[in-house]
């Protein structure tokens, strides 16, 4: 898990991401992270940002449908990130809007393809080298369904439309080349 956290730069990314969602775009250009919107395609939006002096690129979407018996839940996102300075490309993560239950897997399906993520806190990632396979499935798929469990045991099902994903992914590939 330590290697995965290092690869993602979770603390820094979370700060940038929270700033991105909480601050109007015009104000974002003035922040230390220099976040810039590249494009919006369907429910997917592509961005670039400066993280620790290095450019990162990512595309992000909110679910189009969420199910679960919960009273409160934070914001939910699917994110694909490129960090060229680390040689890290196409890293898929899910921010659940709640802390995941310990020692449980997060199940992701894109049409008929199945993937299993590991979780830490409110974020889930693929273990190993499956990110490229998941991104390829997302590029050819219609929807991605993510099933996870909160610390309280609440099952959630989040559905992300994939229309526009390929166009947004192409934008981050152009802005942060080297990974494809």
N, C-alpha and C. Protein backbone atom coordinates (compact mmCIF):
# COMPACT_ATOMS: atom_id res chain seq x y z
N UNK A 1 0.82 -1.20 0.00
CA UNK A 1 0.00 0.00 0.00
C UNK A 1 0.86 1.24 0.00
N UNK A 2 2.01 1.24 0.70
CA UNK A 2 2.87 2.41 0.76
C UNK A 2 3.33 2.84 -0.63
N UNK A 3 3.67 1.86 -1.48
CA UNK A 3 4.09 2.16 -2.85
C UNK A 3 2.95 2.81 -3.63
N UNK A 4 1.74 2.30 -3.43
CA UNK A 4 0.57 2.86 -4.12
C UNK A 4 0.33 4.30 -3.68
N UNK A 5 0.43 4.57 -2.39
CA UNK A 5 0.20 5.92 -1.89
C UNK A 5 1.26 6.87 -2.44
N UNK A 6 2.51 6.39 -2.53
CA UNK A 6 3.58 7.21 -3.08
C UNK A 6 3.32 7.54 -4.54
N UNK A 7 2.86 6.53 -5.28
CA UNK A 7 2.58 6.70 -6.69
C UNK A 7 1.49 7.74 -6.90
N UNK A 8 0.50 7.75 -6.07
CA UNK A 8 -0.64 8.66 -6.24
C UNK A 8 -0.39 10.05 -5.66
N UNK A 9 0.49 10.17 -4.67
CA UNK A 9 0.65 11.46 -4.02
C UNK A 9 -0.69 11.90 -3.44
N UNK A 10 -1.36 10.99 -2.71
CA UNK A 10 -2.75 11.17 -2.29
C UNK A 10 -3.00 12.47 -1.55
N UNK A 11 -2.18 12.81 -0.59
CA UNK A 11 -2.44 14.02 0.20
C UNK A 11 -2.44 15.26 -0.68
N UNK A 12 -1.44 15.38 -1.53
CA UNK A 12 -1.36 16.54 -2.40
C UNK A 12 -2.50 16.53 -3.40
N UNK A 13 -2.78 15.36 -3.99
CA UNK A 13 -3.86 15.28 -4.97
C UNK A 13 -5.19 15.63 -4.32
N UNK A 14 -5.44 15.13 -3.14
CA UNK A 14 -6.70 15.43 -2.46
C UNK A 14 -6.84 16.92 -2.22
N UNK A 15 -5.78 17.59 -1.80
CA UNK A 15 -5.83 19.05 -1.60
C UNK A 15 -6.17 19.76 -2.89
N UNK A 16 -5.52 19.38 -3.98
CA UNK A 16 -5.80 20.00 -5.28
C UNK A 16 -7.24 19.73 -5.67
N UNK A 17 -7.67 18.49 -5.51
CA UNK A 17 -9.00 18.11 -5.94
C UNK A 17 -10.09 18.82 -5.14
N UNK A 18 -9.91 18.94 -3.84
CA UNK A 18 -10.86 19.65 -3.01
C UNK A 18 -10.91 21.11 -3.42
N UNK A 19 -9.76 21.69 -3.68
CA UNK A 19 -9.73 23.09 -4.14
C UNK A 19 -10.45 23.23 -5.46
N UNK A 20 -10.25 22.27 -6.34
CA UNK A 20 -10.88 22.31 -7.65
C UNK A 20 -12.40 22.31 -7.55
N UNK A 21 -12.93 21.48 -6.69
CA UNK A 21 -14.38 21.35 -6.59
C UNK A 21 -15.02 22.46 -5.75
N UNK A 22 -14.26 23.09 -4.88
CA UNK A 22 -14.84 24.07 -3.97
C UNK A 22 -14.70 25.52 -4.42
N UNK A 23 -13.80 25.79 -5.34
CA UNK A 23 -13.48 27.16 -5.71
C UNK A 23 -13.91 27.41 -7.16
N UNK A 24 -14.53 28.55 -7.45
CA UNK A 24 -14.88 28.85 -8.83
C UNK A 24 -13.65 28.84 -9.73
N UNK A 25 -13.85 28.44 -11.01
CA UNK A 25 -12.73 28.31 -11.95
C UNK A 25 -11.88 29.56 -12.06
N UNK A 26 -12.48 30.72 -12.08
CA UNK A 26 -11.70 31.96 -12.24
C UNK A 26 -10.74 32.15 -11.08
N UNK A 27 -11.14 31.72 -9.90
CA UNK A 27 -10.26 31.85 -8.74
C UNK A 27 -9.18 30.78 -8.73
N UNK A 28 -9.43 29.64 -9.40
CA UNK A 28 -8.46 28.55 -9.40
C UNK A 28 -7.14 28.95 -10.03
N UNK A 29 -7.20 29.76 -11.06
CA UNK A 29 -5.97 30.18 -11.73
C UNK A 29 -5.04 30.92 -10.79
N UNK A 30 -5.58 31.50 -9.72
CA UNK A 30 -4.78 32.25 -8.77
C UNK A 30 -4.20 31.38 -7.65
N UNK A 31 -4.64 30.11 -7.55
CA UNK A 31 -4.15 29.25 -6.49
C UNK A 31 -2.74 28.77 -6.81
N UNK A 32 -2.07 28.26 -5.79
CA UNK A 32 -0.70 27.80 -5.99
C UNK A 32 -0.62 26.57 -6.88
N UNK A 33 -1.73 25.89 -7.10
CA UNK A 33 -1.71 24.67 -7.89
C UNK A 33 -1.93 24.93 -9.38
N UNK A 34 -2.30 26.13 -9.77
CA UNK A 34 -2.45 26.51 -11.17
C UNK A 34 -3.28 25.50 -11.94
N UNK A 35 -4.50 25.28 -11.50
CA UNK A 35 -5.40 24.34 -12.14
C UNK A 35 -6.03 24.99 -13.36
N UNK A 36 -6.02 24.28 -14.47
CA UNK A 36 -6.62 24.79 -15.70
C UNK A 36 -7.52 23.71 -16.31
N UNK A 37 -8.72 24.11 -16.68
CA UNK A 37 -9.65 23.20 -17.33
C UNK A 37 -9.28 23.09 -18.80
N UNK A 38 -9.20 21.85 -19.30
CA UNK A 38 -8.89 21.61 -20.70
C UNK A 38 -10.16 21.49 -21.53
N UNK A 39 -11.11 20.68 -21.06
CA UNK A 39 -12.35 20.47 -21.81
C UNK A 39 -13.35 19.71 -20.96
N UNK A 40 -14.61 19.81 -21.37
CA UNK A 40 -15.68 18.99 -20.79
C UNK A 40 -16.29 18.20 -21.92
N UNK A 41 -16.42 16.90 -21.71
CA UNK A 41 -16.97 15.98 -22.70
C UNK A 41 -17.95 15.07 -22.00
N UNK A 42 -19.23 15.26 -22.22
CA UNK A 42 -20.22 14.50 -21.47
C UNK A 42 -20.09 14.86 -20.00
N UNK A 43 -20.00 13.86 -19.13
CA UNK A 43 -19.85 14.12 -17.69
C UNK A 43 -18.38 14.18 -17.27
N UNK A 44 -17.45 14.00 -18.21
CA UNK A 44 -16.02 13.98 -17.93
C UNK A 44 -15.40 15.33 -18.22
N UNK A 45 -14.57 15.81 -17.28
CA UNK A 45 -13.85 17.07 -17.47
C UNK A 45 -12.36 16.81 -17.30
N UNK A 46 -11.57 17.33 -18.23
CA UNK A 46 -10.11 17.17 -18.21
C UNK A 46 -9.47 18.44 -17.66
N UNK A 47 -8.43 18.27 -16.82
CA UNK A 47 -7.72 19.39 -16.18
C UNK A 47 -6.22 19.15 -16.23
N UNK A 48 -5.48 20.23 -16.09
CA UNK A 48 -4.06 20.16 -15.76
C UNK A 48 -3.87 20.93 -14.46
N UNK A 49 -2.82 20.59 -13.75
CA UNK A 49 -2.50 21.28 -12.50
C UNK A 49 -1.01 21.14 -12.26
N UNK A 50 -0.50 21.98 -11.38
CA UNK A 50 0.89 21.88 -10.95
C UNK A 50 0.88 21.31 -9.53
N UNK A 51 1.59 20.20 -9.37
CA UNK A 51 1.68 19.52 -8.08
C UNK A 51 3.16 19.40 -7.74
N UNK A 52 3.56 20.03 -6.64
CA UNK A 52 4.96 19.99 -6.21
C UNK A 52 5.90 20.41 -7.34
N UNK A 53 5.48 21.42 -8.10
CA UNK A 53 6.30 21.96 -9.18
C UNK A 53 6.23 21.18 -10.48
N UNK A 54 5.46 20.11 -10.53
CA UNK A 54 5.36 19.28 -11.73
C UNK A 54 3.94 19.27 -12.26
N UNK A 55 3.82 19.19 -13.57
CA UNK A 55 2.51 19.15 -14.21
C UNK A 55 1.87 17.79 -14.01
N UNK A 56 0.58 17.78 -13.68
CA UNK A 56 -0.22 16.57 -13.68
C UNK A 56 -1.44 16.85 -14.56
N UNK A 57 -2.02 15.81 -15.08
CA UNK A 57 -3.22 15.93 -15.90
C UNK A 57 -4.20 14.86 -15.43
N UNK A 58 -5.47 15.21 -15.40
CA UNK A 58 -6.47 14.24 -14.98
C UNK A 58 -7.82 14.56 -15.58
N UNK A 59 -8.62 13.51 -15.68
CA UNK A 59 -10.01 13.66 -16.08
C UNK A 59 -10.86 13.09 -14.95
N UNK A 60 -11.98 13.73 -14.71
CA UNK A 60 -12.79 13.41 -13.55
C UNK A 60 -14.27 13.47 -13.92
N UNK A 61 -15.06 12.61 -13.24
CA UNK A 61 -16.51 12.62 -13.43
C UNK A 61 -17.19 12.29 -12.11
N UNK A 62 -18.38 12.81 -11.97
CA UNK A 62 -19.25 12.42 -10.86
C UNK A 62 -20.18 11.33 -11.38
N UNK A 63 -20.69 10.49 -10.48
CA UNK A 63 -21.61 9.45 -10.96
C UNK A 63 -22.91 10.08 -11.48
N UNK A 64 -23.50 9.41 -12.46
CA UNK A 64 -24.79 9.85 -12.97
C UNK A 64 -25.93 9.23 -12.16
N UNK A 65 -25.60 8.21 -11.39
CA UNK A 65 -26.59 7.55 -10.53
C UNK A 65 -25.86 6.95 -9.33
N UNK A 66 -26.41 7.13 -8.14
CA UNK A 66 -25.85 6.54 -6.91
C UNK A 66 -26.97 5.89 -6.12
N UNK A 67 -26.70 4.70 -5.61
CA UNK A 67 -27.68 3.96 -4.82
C UNK A 67 -27.04 3.53 -3.51
N UNK A 68 -27.83 3.51 -2.45
CA UNK A 68 -27.35 3.06 -1.16
C UNK A 68 -28.21 3.65 -0.06
N UNK A 69 -28.25 2.96 1.06
CA UNK A 69 -29.06 3.40 2.18
C UNK A 69 -28.18 4.19 3.15
N UNK A 70 -27.86 5.42 2.80
CA UNK A 70 -27.00 6.25 3.62
C UNK A 70 -27.69 7.58 3.89
N UNK A 71 -27.36 8.17 5.02
CA UNK A 71 -27.94 9.47 5.39
C UNK A 71 -27.13 10.63 4.84
N UNK A 72 -25.83 10.50 4.98
CA UNK A 72 -24.91 11.54 4.50
C UNK A 72 -23.80 10.87 3.72
N UNK A 73 -23.39 11.59 2.70
CA UNK A 73 -22.27 11.09 1.92
C UNK A 73 -21.63 12.28 1.23
N UNK A 74 -20.31 12.29 1.22
CA UNK A 74 -19.59 13.37 0.54
C UNK A 74 -19.62 13.19 -0.96
N UNK A 75 -18.85 14.00 -1.64
CA UNK A 75 -18.78 13.95 -3.09
C UNK A 75 -18.09 12.68 -3.57
N UNK A 76 -18.57 12.15 -4.68
CA UNK A 76 -18.07 10.91 -5.27
C UNK A 76 -17.49 11.25 -6.64
N UNK A 77 -16.30 10.69 -6.94
CA UNK A 77 -15.64 10.96 -8.21
C UNK A 77 -14.91 9.73 -8.73
N UNK A 78 -14.85 9.60 -10.05
CA UNK A 78 -13.93 8.68 -10.72
C UNK A 78 -12.88 9.57 -11.37
N UNK A 79 -11.61 9.19 -11.24
CA UNK A 79 -10.51 10.04 -11.69
C UNK A 79 -9.48 9.17 -12.42
N UNK A 80 -8.95 9.68 -13.51
CA UNK A 80 -7.82 9.05 -14.18
C UNK A 80 -6.73 10.11 -14.27
N UNK A 81 -5.53 9.78 -13.76
CA UNK A 81 -4.46 10.76 -13.58
C UNK A 81 -3.18 10.36 -14.30
N UNK A 82 -2.52 11.37 -14.90
CA UNK A 82 -1.16 11.22 -15.46
C UNK A 82 -0.23 12.10 -14.62
N UNK A 83 0.91 11.54 -14.20
CA UNK A 83 1.98 12.28 -13.53
C UNK A 83 3.29 11.99 -14.26
N UNK A 84 3.57 12.73 -15.34
CA UNK A 84 4.76 12.44 -16.15
C UNK A 84 6.07 12.48 -15.37
N UNK A 85 6.20 13.38 -14.41
CA UNK A 85 7.45 13.48 -13.66
C UNK A 85 7.75 12.21 -12.87
N UNK A 86 6.74 11.42 -12.60
CA UNK A 86 6.92 10.15 -11.87
C UNK A 86 6.82 8.95 -12.80
N UNK A 87 6.61 9.20 -14.09
CA UNK A 87 6.42 8.10 -15.02
C UNK A 87 5.14 7.35 -14.74
N UNK A 88 4.15 8.03 -14.21
CA UNK A 88 2.89 7.43 -13.79
C UNK A 88 1.77 7.92 -14.71
N UNK A 89 1.15 6.98 -15.41
CA UNK A 89 0.10 7.33 -16.37
C UNK A 89 -1.12 6.45 -16.17
N UNK A 90 -2.27 7.02 -16.47
CA UNK A 90 -3.54 6.27 -16.52
C UNK A 90 -3.89 5.62 -15.18
N UNK A 91 -3.62 6.30 -14.07
CA UNK A 91 -3.94 5.75 -12.76
C UNK A 91 -5.41 6.05 -12.47
N UNK A 92 -6.19 5.00 -12.29
CA UNK A 92 -7.62 5.12 -12.04
C UNK A 92 -7.86 5.07 -10.54
N UNK A 93 -8.64 6.03 -10.04
CA UNK A 93 -9.01 6.01 -8.62
C UNK A 93 -10.47 6.41 -8.48
N UNK A 94 -11.05 5.96 -7.38
CA UNK A 94 -12.43 6.29 -7.03
C UNK A 94 -12.40 6.97 -5.67
N UNK A 95 -13.01 8.15 -5.57
CA UNK A 95 -13.19 8.81 -4.28
C UNK A 95 -14.65 8.58 -3.89
N UNK A 96 -14.86 7.87 -2.77
CA UNK A 96 -16.19 7.34 -2.43
C UNK A 96 -17.11 8.32 -1.72
N UNK A 97 -16.58 9.36 -1.11
CA UNK A 97 -17.43 10.25 -0.34
C UNK A 97 -17.70 9.73 1.07
N UNK A 98 -17.00 8.67 1.45
CA UNK A 98 -17.04 8.10 2.79
C UNK A 98 -15.80 7.23 2.95
N UNK A 99 -15.39 6.94 4.19
CA UNK A 99 -14.28 5.99 4.37
C UNK A 99 -14.77 4.57 4.07
N UNK A 100 -14.02 3.87 3.24
CA UNK A 100 -14.36 2.49 2.94
C UNK A 100 -14.20 1.62 4.17
N UNK A 101 -14.94 0.53 4.20
CA UNK A 101 -14.81 -0.46 5.25
C UNK A 101 -13.43 -1.12 5.12
N UNK A 102 -12.76 -1.34 6.24
CA UNK A 102 -11.43 -1.97 6.22
C UNK A 102 -11.51 -3.38 5.68
N UNK A 103 -10.47 -3.76 4.97
CA UNK A 103 -10.32 -5.13 4.45
C UNK A 103 -11.44 -5.56 3.52
N UNK A 104 -11.99 -4.62 2.76
CA UNK A 104 -12.97 -5.01 1.75
C UNK A 104 -12.47 -4.54 0.38
N UNK A 105 -12.95 -5.21 -0.63
CA UNK A 105 -12.58 -4.84 -1.99
C UNK A 105 -13.67 -3.95 -2.57
N UNK A 106 -13.29 -3.17 -3.55
CA UNK A 106 -14.22 -2.34 -4.30
C UNK A 106 -14.32 -2.97 -5.68
N UNK A 107 -15.53 -3.26 -6.10
CA UNK A 107 -15.74 -3.95 -7.37
C UNK A 107 -16.15 -2.95 -8.44
N UNK A 108 -15.49 -3.05 -9.58
CA UNK A 108 -15.74 -2.14 -10.70
C UNK A 108 -16.07 -3.00 -11.91
N UNK A 109 -17.14 -2.63 -12.61
CA UNK A 109 -17.44 -3.30 -13.87
C UNK A 109 -17.66 -2.25 -14.95
N UNK A 110 -17.12 -2.54 -16.10
CA UNK A 110 -17.34 -1.73 -17.29
C UNK A 110 -17.97 -2.67 -18.29
N UNK A 111 -19.26 -2.44 -18.54
CA UNK A 111 -20.05 -3.35 -19.35
C UNK A 111 -19.86 -4.75 -18.78
N UNK A 112 -19.23 -5.68 -19.47
CA UNK A 112 -19.09 -7.05 -18.95
C UNK A 112 -17.73 -7.36 -18.35
N UNK A 113 -16.83 -6.38 -18.28
CA UNK A 113 -15.49 -6.62 -17.73
C UNK A 113 -15.46 -6.26 -16.25
N UNK A 114 -14.81 -7.10 -15.45
CA UNK A 114 -14.76 -6.93 -14.00
C UNK A 114 -13.35 -6.58 -13.55
N UNK A 115 -13.27 -5.66 -12.57
CA UNK A 115 -12.00 -5.24 -11.98
C UNK A 115 -12.19 -5.16 -10.47
N UNK A 116 -11.11 -5.39 -9.73
CA UNK A 116 -11.16 -5.31 -8.27
C UNK A 116 -10.15 -4.28 -7.80
N UNK A 117 -10.62 -3.36 -6.97
CA UNK A 117 -9.75 -2.31 -6.41
C UNK A 117 -9.51 -2.58 -4.94
N UNK A 118 -8.45 -1.98 -4.43
CA UNK A 118 -8.18 -1.98 -3.00
C UNK A 118 -8.47 -0.57 -2.49
N UNK A 119 -8.80 -0.47 -1.23
CA UNK A 119 -9.17 0.84 -0.70
C UNK A 119 -8.26 1.24 0.45
N UNK A 120 -8.20 2.55 0.63
CA UNK A 120 -7.50 3.14 1.77
C UNK A 120 -8.23 4.44 2.07
N UNK A 121 -8.83 4.54 3.24
CA UNK A 121 -9.60 5.74 3.58
C UNK A 121 -10.78 5.86 2.64
N UNK A 122 -10.89 7.01 1.97
CA UNK A 122 -12.01 7.26 1.07
C UNK A 122 -11.69 6.98 -0.40
N UNK A 123 -10.51 6.43 -0.68
CA UNK A 123 -10.07 6.26 -2.06
C UNK A 123 -9.79 4.79 -2.36
N UNK A 124 -10.09 4.38 -3.60
CA UNK A 124 -9.79 3.02 -4.05
C UNK A 124 -8.98 3.09 -5.34
N UNK A 125 -8.04 2.13 -5.48
CA UNK A 125 -7.18 2.02 -6.66
C UNK A 125 -7.11 0.57 -7.08
N UNK A 126 -6.68 0.36 -8.31
CA UNK A 126 -6.37 -0.99 -8.76
C UNK A 126 -5.03 -1.39 -8.17
N UNK A 127 -4.87 -2.64 -7.87
CA UNK A 127 -3.60 -3.14 -7.37
C UNK A 127 -2.82 -3.68 -8.55
N UNK A 128 -1.54 -3.38 -8.60
CA UNK A 128 -0.70 -3.89 -9.68
C UNK A 128 -0.78 -3.04 -10.93
N UNK A 129 -0.83 -3.70 -12.08
CA UNK A 129 -0.72 -2.99 -13.36
C UNK A 129 -2.00 -3.03 -14.18
N UNK A 130 -3.15 -3.13 -13.57
CA UNK A 130 -4.40 -3.26 -14.31
C UNK A 130 -5.01 -1.96 -14.80
N UNK A 131 -4.37 -0.82 -14.48
CA UNK A 131 -4.96 0.46 -14.87
C UNK A 131 -5.15 0.60 -16.38
N UNK A 132 -4.18 0.20 -17.16
CA UNK A 132 -4.29 0.32 -18.62
C UNK A 132 -5.47 -0.50 -19.14
N UNK A 133 -5.69 -1.68 -18.57
CA UNK A 133 -6.82 -2.51 -18.98
C UNK A 133 -8.15 -1.84 -18.63
N UNK A 134 -8.23 -1.24 -17.44
CA UNK A 134 -9.45 -0.56 -17.05
C UNK A 134 -9.70 0.66 -17.93
N UNK A 135 -8.66 1.43 -18.22
CA UNK A 135 -8.81 2.60 -19.09
C UNK A 135 -9.27 2.16 -20.48
N UNK A 136 -8.70 1.09 -21.01
CA UNK A 136 -9.12 0.58 -22.32
C UNK A 136 -10.59 0.17 -22.30
N UNK A 137 -11.01 -0.47 -21.22
CA UNK A 137 -12.42 -0.85 -21.08
C UNK A 137 -13.30 0.39 -21.01
N UNK A 138 -12.85 1.40 -20.28
CA UNK A 138 -13.61 2.64 -20.17
C UNK A 138 -13.75 3.32 -21.53
N UNK A 139 -12.68 3.28 -22.34
CA UNK A 139 -12.72 3.91 -23.65
C UNK A 139 -13.73 3.22 -24.58
N UNK A 140 -13.90 1.93 -24.42
CA UNK A 140 -14.83 1.20 -25.28
C UNK A 140 -16.18 0.93 -24.65
N UNK A 141 -16.35 1.36 -23.39
CA UNK A 141 -17.56 1.02 -22.66
C UNK A 141 -18.63 2.09 -22.66
N UNK A 142 -19.79 1.71 -22.18
CA UNK A 142 -20.93 2.64 -22.07
C UNK A 142 -21.08 3.18 -20.66
N UNK A 143 -20.86 2.31 -19.65
CA UNK A 143 -20.95 2.77 -18.27
C UNK A 143 -20.05 1.95 -17.37
N UNK A 144 -19.65 2.59 -16.28
CA UNK A 144 -18.81 1.94 -15.27
C UNK A 144 -19.60 1.94 -13.96
N UNK A 145 -19.69 0.77 -13.33
CA UNK A 145 -20.42 0.63 -12.07
C UNK A 145 -19.41 0.28 -10.99
N UNK A 146 -19.45 1.03 -9.88
CA UNK A 146 -18.53 0.84 -8.76
C UNK A 146 -19.35 0.45 -7.53
N UNK A 147 -19.00 -0.69 -6.92
CA UNK A 147 -19.69 -1.17 -5.72
C UNK A 147 -18.70 -1.19 -4.58
N UNK A 148 -19.03 -0.48 -3.50
CA UNK A 148 -18.17 -0.42 -2.33
C UNK A 148 -19.00 -0.46 -1.06
N UNK A 149 -18.30 -0.58 0.09
CA UNK A 149 -18.95 -0.65 1.40
C UNK A 149 -18.31 0.37 2.34
N UNK A 150 -19.15 1.14 3.00
CA UNK A 150 -18.66 2.13 3.95
C UNK A 150 -18.21 1.45 5.24
N UNK A 151 -17.56 2.23 6.11
CA UNK A 151 -17.15 1.70 7.42
C UNK A 151 -18.33 1.14 8.19
N UNK A 152 -19.50 1.68 7.98
CA UNK A 152 -20.71 1.21 8.67
C UNK A 152 -21.34 0.01 7.98
N UNK A 153 -20.75 -0.42 6.87
CA UNK A 153 -21.26 -1.58 6.16
C UNK A 153 -22.30 -1.25 5.11
N UNK A 154 -22.52 0.01 4.83
CA UNK A 154 -23.49 0.41 3.82
C UNK A 154 -22.96 0.11 2.43
N UNK A 155 -23.72 -0.61 1.66
CA UNK A 155 -23.35 -0.93 0.26
C UNK A 155 -23.77 0.24 -0.62
N UNK A 156 -22.85 0.69 -1.45
CA UNK A 156 -23.16 1.76 -2.39
C UNK A 156 -22.87 1.28 -3.81
N UNK A 157 -23.68 1.76 -4.73
CA UNK A 157 -23.50 1.44 -6.14
C UNK A 157 -23.51 2.77 -6.88
N UNK A 158 -22.38 3.10 -7.50
CA UNK A 158 -22.25 4.35 -8.26
C UNK A 158 -22.05 4.01 -9.72
N UNK A 159 -22.84 4.66 -10.57
CA UNK A 159 -22.77 4.44 -12.00
C UNK A 159 -22.23 5.69 -12.68
N UNK A 160 -21.18 5.51 -13.46
CA UNK A 160 -20.54 6.60 -14.21
C UNK A 160 -20.76 6.37 -15.69
N UNK A 161 -21.36 7.34 -16.36
CA UNK A 161 -21.51 7.26 -17.82
C UNK A 161 -20.12 7.43 -18.43
N UNK A 162 -19.85 6.72 -19.51
CA UNK A 162 -18.53 6.79 -20.14
C UNK A 162 -18.54 7.57 -21.46
N UNK A 163 -19.70 8.07 -21.87
CA UNK A 163 -19.75 8.93 -23.05
C UNK A 163 -18.92 10.18 -22.74
N UNK A 164 -17.96 10.46 -23.57
CA UNK A 164 -17.08 11.62 -23.36
C UNK A 164 -15.76 11.27 -22.69
N UNK A 165 -15.67 10.06 -22.10
CA UNK A 165 -14.42 9.70 -21.43
C UNK A 165 -13.25 9.70 -22.40
N UNK A 166 -13.41 9.08 -23.56
CA UNK A 166 -12.30 8.97 -24.51
C UNK A 166 -11.80 10.35 -24.93
N UNK A 167 -12.71 11.28 -25.19
CA UNK A 167 -12.30 12.64 -25.58
C UNK A 167 -11.54 13.33 -24.45
N UNK A 168 -12.01 13.18 -23.22
CA UNK A 168 -11.30 13.78 -22.08
C UNK A 168 -9.96 13.12 -21.85
N UNK A 169 -9.91 11.81 -22.00
CA UNK A 169 -8.65 11.08 -21.83
C UNK A 169 -7.64 11.51 -22.90
N UNK A 170 -8.11 11.71 -24.11
CA UNK A 170 -7.25 12.19 -25.20
C UNK A 170 -6.67 13.56 -24.84
N UNK A 171 -7.47 14.42 -24.21
CA UNK A 171 -7.00 15.74 -23.81
C UNK A 171 -5.86 15.64 -22.78
N UNK A 172 -5.99 14.75 -21.80
CA UNK A 172 -4.92 14.65 -20.79
C UNK A 172 -3.68 13.99 -21.41
N UNK A 173 -3.88 13.09 -22.39
CA UNK A 173 -2.73 12.51 -23.10
C UNK A 173 -1.95 13.58 -23.84
N UNK A 174 -2.65 14.53 -24.47
CA UNK A 174 -1.99 15.61 -25.19
C UNK A 174 -1.29 16.57 -24.24
N UNK A 175 -1.92 16.86 -23.12
CA UNK A 175 -1.34 17.82 -22.16
C UNK A 175 -0.19 17.23 -21.35
N UNK A 176 -0.21 15.92 -21.13
CA UNK A 176 0.85 15.22 -20.38
C UNK A 176 1.28 14.01 -21.20
N UNK A 177 1.99 14.22 -22.30
CA UNK A 177 2.35 13.10 -23.18
C UNK A 177 3.38 12.16 -22.57
N UNK A 178 3.43 10.97 -23.15
CA UNK A 178 4.47 10.02 -22.76
C UNK A 178 3.95 8.72 -22.23
N UNK A 179 2.68 8.63 -21.92
CA UNK A 179 2.17 7.43 -21.29
C UNK A 179 1.51 6.44 -22.22
N UNK A 180 1.08 6.88 -23.37
CA UNK A 180 0.33 5.98 -24.26
C UNK A 180 1.25 5.18 -25.14
